[in-house]
Amino acid sequence: MQSPNLIRRIADNKSALRKSEAKVASFVLDNANQVIRMRIVDLASQSGVSEPTVIRFCRAIGFDGFRSFKLQLAQHLSLGEVFTQFAVDDKDTIADLRNKVFDSTVGSLLTVRDELDVVALETAITTINQAKRVEFYGFGASGSVAADAQHKFFRLQVSTAAYTDPHIQHMSAISLGKDDVVVAISQSGQTQALLQSVRLAIEAGATVIGLAPQDTALSKLCSISLYVNVEEDLQAIAPVSSRIAHLVVIDVLATGVARHRRPLLKDHLKRLHKSQKALRISGSS
C-alpha cells in the first residue's frame, strides 16, 4: 500500500525510479517548498533533466502529470504533513523548543492518522471487543503505553492486563487461548524479547495485534498489524512523537470498543464516576 504522505511516498519509491527520475525525486525531497512555485521547465532545469523526465517521475509516483503532482504537494505542505525530525539548538529559546516539539508531534500524528488502514482498525476493534481476555505487552516507553491501554480498557469492562517484564509476558502468553488477544506495542518493531512473547502467544492460539512500524519483524509476525510509522532519533534528548502516536492509536481502539459496548456501559460508567467522586477533594467535579 502506498503511503498517502506524498513526501514519504517519494522517499520510499526513490530507489525504484530510473536514474534520471531519481534526480527529480532528490530535488523535490530537498526543496519541496520551492517546487510548489516552480514551472515544469524550472524543475527540469534545477534537477538537470528534461521536461519529459519530470512527467515520467510524476506518473511513476501515481499522478497524471506535473500539475496534479504540484497541487498535491502544496496540500501536504499546507497541512504540515511533511515529516521533519526537529533538532534542538543551543540557541533555541523556550518558545522555539515549544514550537519544535509541538509541530513535530502534530505532523507525526497526521501522518500516522492518514496511514492507518481503516479495515485493519475495524478488525482490531471487533477482535478486542469479542475477546475473552486482552493483554498488552511493551517495554520501555512502550511499556507505559501498555499500562495506559490497560487502564482504558479496564474501564470498558474488558478483562485485561499489561505486562512489561519479559518473563511474566512469556508465562502469561503460554496460558492464553483462541479467544484471547495480545496487543504488542513497539517503537522499533524489532525487540527480541517482545517477538518471543508474541510467538508464544500465537502458538497458544491467541490473536496478536501489533502496533509497530511497517515492514518490521513485529508487524510481519502479528495477526493484525496497525502501522505506526514515526521515525525518531533515539539519541535525541526526549523522543516523544512515537509514544504519543501509540497512545492515540490506543485511544482510537478504546473509542471503537466503547461504541460497541455503549448500551452496557452507560450504568457502569455512572457508577464508576460516582465512586471516584468520593476520592476527590470536596467541591471538585
Protein backbone atom coordinates (compact mmCIF):
# COMPACT_ATOMS: atom_id res chain seq x y z
CA MET A 1 0.00 0.00 0.00
CA GLN A 2 1.42 3.37 -0.99
CA SER A 3 1.70 5.96 1.73
CA PRO A 4 -0.79 8.85 1.50
CA ASN A 5 2.01 11.10 2.74
CA LEU A 6 3.49 12.35 -0.53
CA ILE A 7 6.97 13.08 0.79
CA ARG A 8 7.21 9.65 2.37
CA ARG A 9 5.90 8.07 -0.86
CA ILE A 10 8.61 9.77 -2.92
CA ALA A 11 11.30 8.69 -0.44
CA ASP A 12 10.01 5.10 -0.37
CA ASN A 13 9.91 4.83 -4.18
CA LYS A 14 13.11 6.70 -4.99
CA SER A 15 15.27 3.57 -5.22
CA ALA A 16 12.87 2.01 -7.75
CA LEU A 17 12.93 5.03 -10.10
CA ARG A 18 15.12 5.41 -13.16
CA LYS A 19 18.35 7.30 -12.55
CA SER A 20 17.05 10.48 -14.23
CA GLU A 21 13.71 10.31 -12.38
CA ALA A 22 15.57 9.80 -9.08
CA LYS A 23 17.30 13.15 -9.70
CA VAL A 24 13.88 14.82 -9.73
CA ALA A 25 12.90 12.94 -6.58
CA SER A 26 16.06 14.10 -4.78
CA PHE A 27 15.45 17.73 -5.73
CA VAL A 28 11.82 17.57 -4.59
CA LEU A 29 12.75 15.99 -1.25
CA ASP A 30 15.36 18.68 -0.61
CA ASN A 31 13.36 21.64 -1.92
CA ALA A 32 9.65 20.84 -1.52
CA ASN A 33 8.67 24.40 -0.62
CA GLN A 34 10.34 25.77 -3.74
CA VAL A 35 8.88 23.13 -6.08
CA ILE A 36 5.27 24.20 -5.44
CA ARG A 37 6.11 27.60 -7.00
CA MET A 38 8.02 26.20 -9.98
CA ARG A 39 7.03 25.61 -13.57
CA ILE A 40 7.83 22.25 -15.10
CA VAL A 41 10.68 23.81 -17.07
CA ASP A 42 12.14 25.19 -13.82
CA LEU A 43 12.03 21.83 -12.05
CA ALA A 44 13.58 20.10 -15.06
CA SER A 45 16.39 22.67 -15.22
CA GLN A 46 17.12 22.57 -11.48
CA SER A 47 17.11 18.76 -11.47
CA GLY A 48 19.34 18.54 -14.54
CA VAL A 49 16.83 16.51 -16.58
CA SER A 50 14.39 17.01 -19.45
CA GLU A 51 10.74 18.03 -19.09
CA PRO A 52 9.50 14.58 -20.26
CA THR A 53 11.56 13.07 -17.41
CA VAL A 54 9.67 15.24 -14.91
CA ILE A 55 6.39 13.94 -16.38
CA ARG A 56 7.60 10.34 -16.09
CA PHE A 57 8.59 10.98 -12.47
CA CYS A 58 5.10 12.31 -11.68
CA ARG A 59 3.46 9.29 -13.29
CA ALA A 60 5.82 6.88 -11.51
CA ILE A 61 4.56 8.08 -8.12
CA GLY A 62 0.89 7.95 -9.11
CA PHE A 63 -0.05 11.26 -10.79
CA ASP A 64 -1.38 12.08 -14.25
CA GLY A 65 1.10 14.92 -14.69
CA PHE A 66 3.03 17.77 -13.15
CA ARG A 67 0.01 19.95 -12.37
CA SER A 68 -1.74 17.32 -10.22
CA PHE A 69 1.54 16.42 -8.53
CA LYS A 70 2.28 20.04 -7.62
CA LEU A 71 -1.26 20.55 -6.29
CA GLN A 72 -0.99 17.51 -4.02
CA LEU A 73 2.44 18.59 -2.82
CA ALA A 74 1.11 22.04 -1.93
CA GLN A 75 -1.77 20.48 0.03
CA HIS A 76 0.62 18.29 2.01
CA LEU A 77 2.86 21.21 2.84
CA SER A 78 -0.06 23.36 3.93
CA LEU A 79 -1.29 20.62 6.29
CA GLY A 80 2.14 20.17 7.80
CA GLU A 81 2.25 16.52 6.76
CA VAL A 82 5.91 16.52 5.77
CA PHE A 83 7.77 14.61 8.44
CA THR A 84 10.68 16.54 9.86
CA GLN A 85 12.55 15.40 12.94
CA PHE A 86 13.22 18.52 14.97
CA ALA A 87 16.73 19.32 16.12
CA VAL A 88 17.43 21.21 19.32
CA ASP A 89 19.93 24.03 19.02
CA ASP A 90 21.77 25.62 21.94
CA LYS A 91 20.50 28.99 20.77
CA ASP A 92 16.84 27.92 20.86
CA THR A 93 14.59 29.86 23.17
CA ILE A 94 11.92 28.16 25.27
CA ALA A 95 9.38 29.34 22.69
CA ASP A 96 11.48 27.65 19.96
CA LEU A 97 11.55 24.40 21.92
CA ARG A 98 7.79 24.55 22.49
CA ASN A 99 7.09 25.13 18.81
CA LYS A 100 9.50 22.46 17.58
CA VAL A 101 8.17 19.74 19.88
CA PHE A 102 4.51 20.55 19.20
CA ASP A 103 4.94 20.99 15.44
CA SER A 104 6.90 17.75 15.08
CA THR A 105 4.36 15.81 17.14
CA VAL A 106 1.33 17.19 15.31
CA GLY A 107 2.95 16.46 11.95
CA SER A 108 3.74 12.90 13.01
CA LEU A 109 0.19 12.32 14.27
CA LEU A 110 -1.28 13.49 10.96
CA THR A 111 1.00 11.11 9.08
CA VAL A 112 0.06 8.15 11.29
CA ARG A 113 -3.64 9.03 11.00
CA ASP A 114 -3.55 9.02 7.22
CA GLU A 115 -1.53 5.80 7.02
CA LEU A 116 -3.66 3.73 9.40
CA ASP A 117 -5.63 1.17 7.44
CA VAL A 118 -9.35 1.53 8.25
CA VAL A 119 -10.10 -2.15 7.56
CA ALA A 120 -7.32 -3.27 9.91
CA LEU A 121 -8.57 -0.84 12.56
CA GLU A 122 -12.12 -2.15 12.33
CA THR A 123 -10.88 -5.75 12.52
CA ALA A 124 -8.77 -4.93 15.58
CA ILE A 125 -11.67 -3.20 17.33
CA THR A 126 -14.05 -6.10 16.65
CA THR A 127 -11.45 -8.64 17.76
CA ILE A 128 -10.78 -6.84 21.06
CA ASN A 129 -14.49 -6.36 21.72
CA GLN A 130 -15.16 -10.08 21.29
CA ALA A 131 -12.08 -11.25 23.21
CA LYS A 132 -12.30 -13.20 26.45
CA ARG A 133 -9.10 -11.54 27.69
CA VAL A 134 -6.82 -8.80 26.32
CA GLU A 135 -3.17 -8.43 27.33
CA PHE A 136 -0.91 -5.50 26.43
CA TYR A 137 2.84 -6.10 26.02
CA GLY A 138 5.56 -3.47 25.74
CA PHE A 139 8.98 -2.45 27.04
CA GLY A 140 10.42 0.94 27.99
CA ALA A 141 8.33 3.81 26.66
CA SER A 142 6.03 1.26 25.02
CA GLY A 143 5.53 -0.29 28.44
CA SER A 144 3.97 2.95 29.70
CA VAL A 145 1.66 2.88 26.66
CA ALA A 146 0.68 -0.69 27.56
CA ALA A 147 -0.15 0.40 31.12
CA ASP A 148 -2.25 3.30 29.83
CA ALA A 149 -4.09 0.93 27.48
CA GLN A 150 -4.84 -1.50 30.29
CA HIS A 151 -6.37 1.33 32.32
CA LYS A 152 -8.57 2.48 29.41
CA PHE A 153 -9.91 -0.97 28.57
CA PHE A 154 -10.40 -1.89 32.23
CA ARG A 155 -12.88 0.99 32.42
CA LEU A 156 -14.74 -0.60 29.50
CA GLN A 157 -15.19 -3.84 31.46
CA VAL A 158 -12.67 -5.70 29.34
CA SER A 159 -10.73 -8.39 31.20
CA THR A 160 -7.25 -7.02 30.68
CA ALA A 161 -3.67 -6.84 31.93
CA ALA A 162 -0.44 -5.08 30.97
CA TYR A 163 2.94 -6.79 31.26
CA THR A 164 6.32 -5.10 30.81
CA ASP A 165 8.57 -7.85 32.14
CA PRO A 166 9.68 -10.46 29.54
CA HIS A 167 9.49 -13.40 31.94
CA ILE A 168 5.92 -12.58 33.01
CA GLN A 169 4.97 -11.96 29.38
CA HIS A 170 6.24 -15.41 28.42
CA MET A 171 4.45 -17.14 31.30
CA SER A 172 1.20 -15.38 30.53
CA ALA A 173 1.46 -15.88 26.77
CA ILE A 174 1.64 -19.66 27.00
CA SER A 175 -1.56 -19.71 29.09
CA LEU A 176 -3.66 -17.86 26.50
CA GLY A 177 -6.22 -19.45 24.19
CA LYS A 178 -8.02 -18.90 20.91
CA ASP A 179 -10.47 -16.40 22.43
CA ASP A 180 -7.71 -14.20 23.85
CA VAL A 181 -5.91 -11.21 22.33
CA VAL A 182 -2.45 -9.74 22.79
CA VAL A 183 -1.71 -6.15 21.77
CA ALA A 184 2.05 -5.87 21.23
CA ILE A 185 3.43 -2.32 21.21
CA SER A 186 6.88 -1.37 19.93
CA GLN A 187 8.53 1.78 18.60
CA SER A 188 11.12 -0.22 16.66
CA GLY A 189 9.23 -3.41 15.88
CA GLN A 190 12.49 -5.31 16.43
CA THR A 191 12.66 -6.02 20.18
CA GLN A 192 13.72 -9.65 20.52
CA ALA A 193 12.05 -10.33 23.88
CA LEU A 194 8.73 -8.94 22.60
CA LEU A 195 8.95 -11.05 19.45
CA GLN A 196 9.45 -14.14 21.60
CA SER A 197 6.37 -13.28 23.68
CA VAL A 198 4.32 -12.79 20.53
CA ARG A 199 5.43 -16.13 19.08
CA LEU A 200 4.42 -17.90 22.30
CA ALA A 201 1.00 -16.19 22.24
CA ILE A 202 0.43 -17.21 18.61
CA GLU A 203 1.49 -20.79 19.35
CA ALA A 204 -1.05 -20.83 22.20
CA GLY A 205 -3.79 -19.82 19.75
CA ALA A 206 -4.22 -16.14 20.67
CA THR A 207 -4.74 -13.35 18.15
CA VAL A 208 -1.95 -10.76 18.21
CA ILE A 209 -2.49 -7.12 17.24
CA GLY A 210 0.74 -5.24 16.59
CA LEU A 211 1.37 -1.50 16.89
CA ALA A 212 4.71 -1.05 15.15
CA PRO A 213 6.35 0.40 12.04
CA GLN A 214 5.57 -1.22 8.70
CA ASP A 215 7.88 -3.95 7.34
CA THR A 216 9.40 -4.72 10.73
CA ALA A 217 9.72 -8.15 12.34
CA LEU A 218 6.80 -7.46 14.69
CA SER A 219 4.41 -6.12 12.06
CA LYS A 220 5.11 -9.12 9.83
CA LEU A 221 4.57 -11.59 12.67
CA CYS A 222 1.27 -10.26 14.06
CA SER A 223 -2.20 -11.47 13.10
CA ILE A 224 -3.40 -7.87 12.67
CA SER A 225 -0.90 -5.07 12.09
CA LEU A 226 -1.56 -1.39 12.73
CA TYR A 227 1.35 0.52 11.24
CA VAL A 228 2.70 3.39 13.34
CA ASN A 229 5.41 4.84 11.12
CA VAL A 230 7.12 7.50 13.17
CA GLU A 231 10.84 7.90 12.53
CA GLU A 232 12.58 9.19 15.61
CA ASP A 233 16.18 9.83 16.59
CA LEU A 234 16.66 7.51 19.55
CA GLN A 235 19.70 9.57 20.57
CA ALA A 236 17.54 12.68 20.98
CA ILE A 237 17.13 14.22 24.41
CA ALA A 238 13.41 13.40 24.62
CA PRO A 239 11.89 11.44 21.71
CA VAL A 240 8.15 11.80 22.17
CA SER A 241 6.27 11.55 18.87
CA SER A 242 6.16 7.76 18.57
CA ARG A 243 4.96 7.32 22.16
CA ILE A 244 2.18 9.85 21.67
CA ALA A 245 1.22 8.27 18.34
CA HIS A 246 0.87 4.88 20.04
CA LEU A 247 -1.26 6.44 22.80
CA VAL A 248 -3.59 7.99 20.22
CA VAL A 249 -3.97 4.70 18.32
CA ILE A 250 -4.89 3.05 21.63
CA ASP A 251 -7.48 5.81 22.12
CA VAL A 252 -8.96 5.01 18.69
CA LEU A 253 -9.22 1.31 19.60
CA ALA A 254 -10.76 2.11 23.00
CA THR A 255 -13.28 4.50 21.48
CA GLY A 256 -14.26 1.87 18.92
CA VAL A 257 -14.78 -0.77 21.60
CA ALA A 258 -16.74 1.70 23.76
CA ARG A 259 -19.07 2.36 20.83
CA HIS A 260 -19.79 -1.37 20.54
CA ARG A 261 -20.48 -1.61 24.26
CA ARG A 262 -22.31 1.69 24.76
CA PRO A 263 -25.68 0.21 25.86
CA LEU A 264 -23.95 -1.94 28.50
CA LEU A 265 -21.50 0.71 29.68
CA LYS A 266 -23.88 3.57 30.49
CA ASP A 267 -24.80 2.48 34.00
CA HIS A 268 -21.32 1.10 34.71
CA LEU A 269 -19.59 4.39 33.87
CA LYS A 270 -22.08 6.31 36.00
CA ARG A 271 -21.29 4.07 38.99
CA LEU A 272 -17.58 4.41 38.29
CA HIS A 273 -17.79 8.19 38.18
CA LYS A 274 -19.80 8.24 41.42
CA SER A 275 -17.29 6.01 43.21
CA GLN A 276 -14.36 8.20 42.13
CA LYS A 277 -16.02 11.38 43.40
CA ALA A 278 -15.58 10.07 46.92
CA LEU A 279 -11.80 10.08 46.38
CA ARG A 280 -11.64 13.72 45.36
CA ILE A 281 -11.46 16.94 47.36
CA SER A 282 -14.89 18.14 48.40
CA GLY A 283 -16.43 20.53 45.87
CA SER A 284 -14.40 19.31 42.85
CA SER A 285 -16.12 17.67 39.90
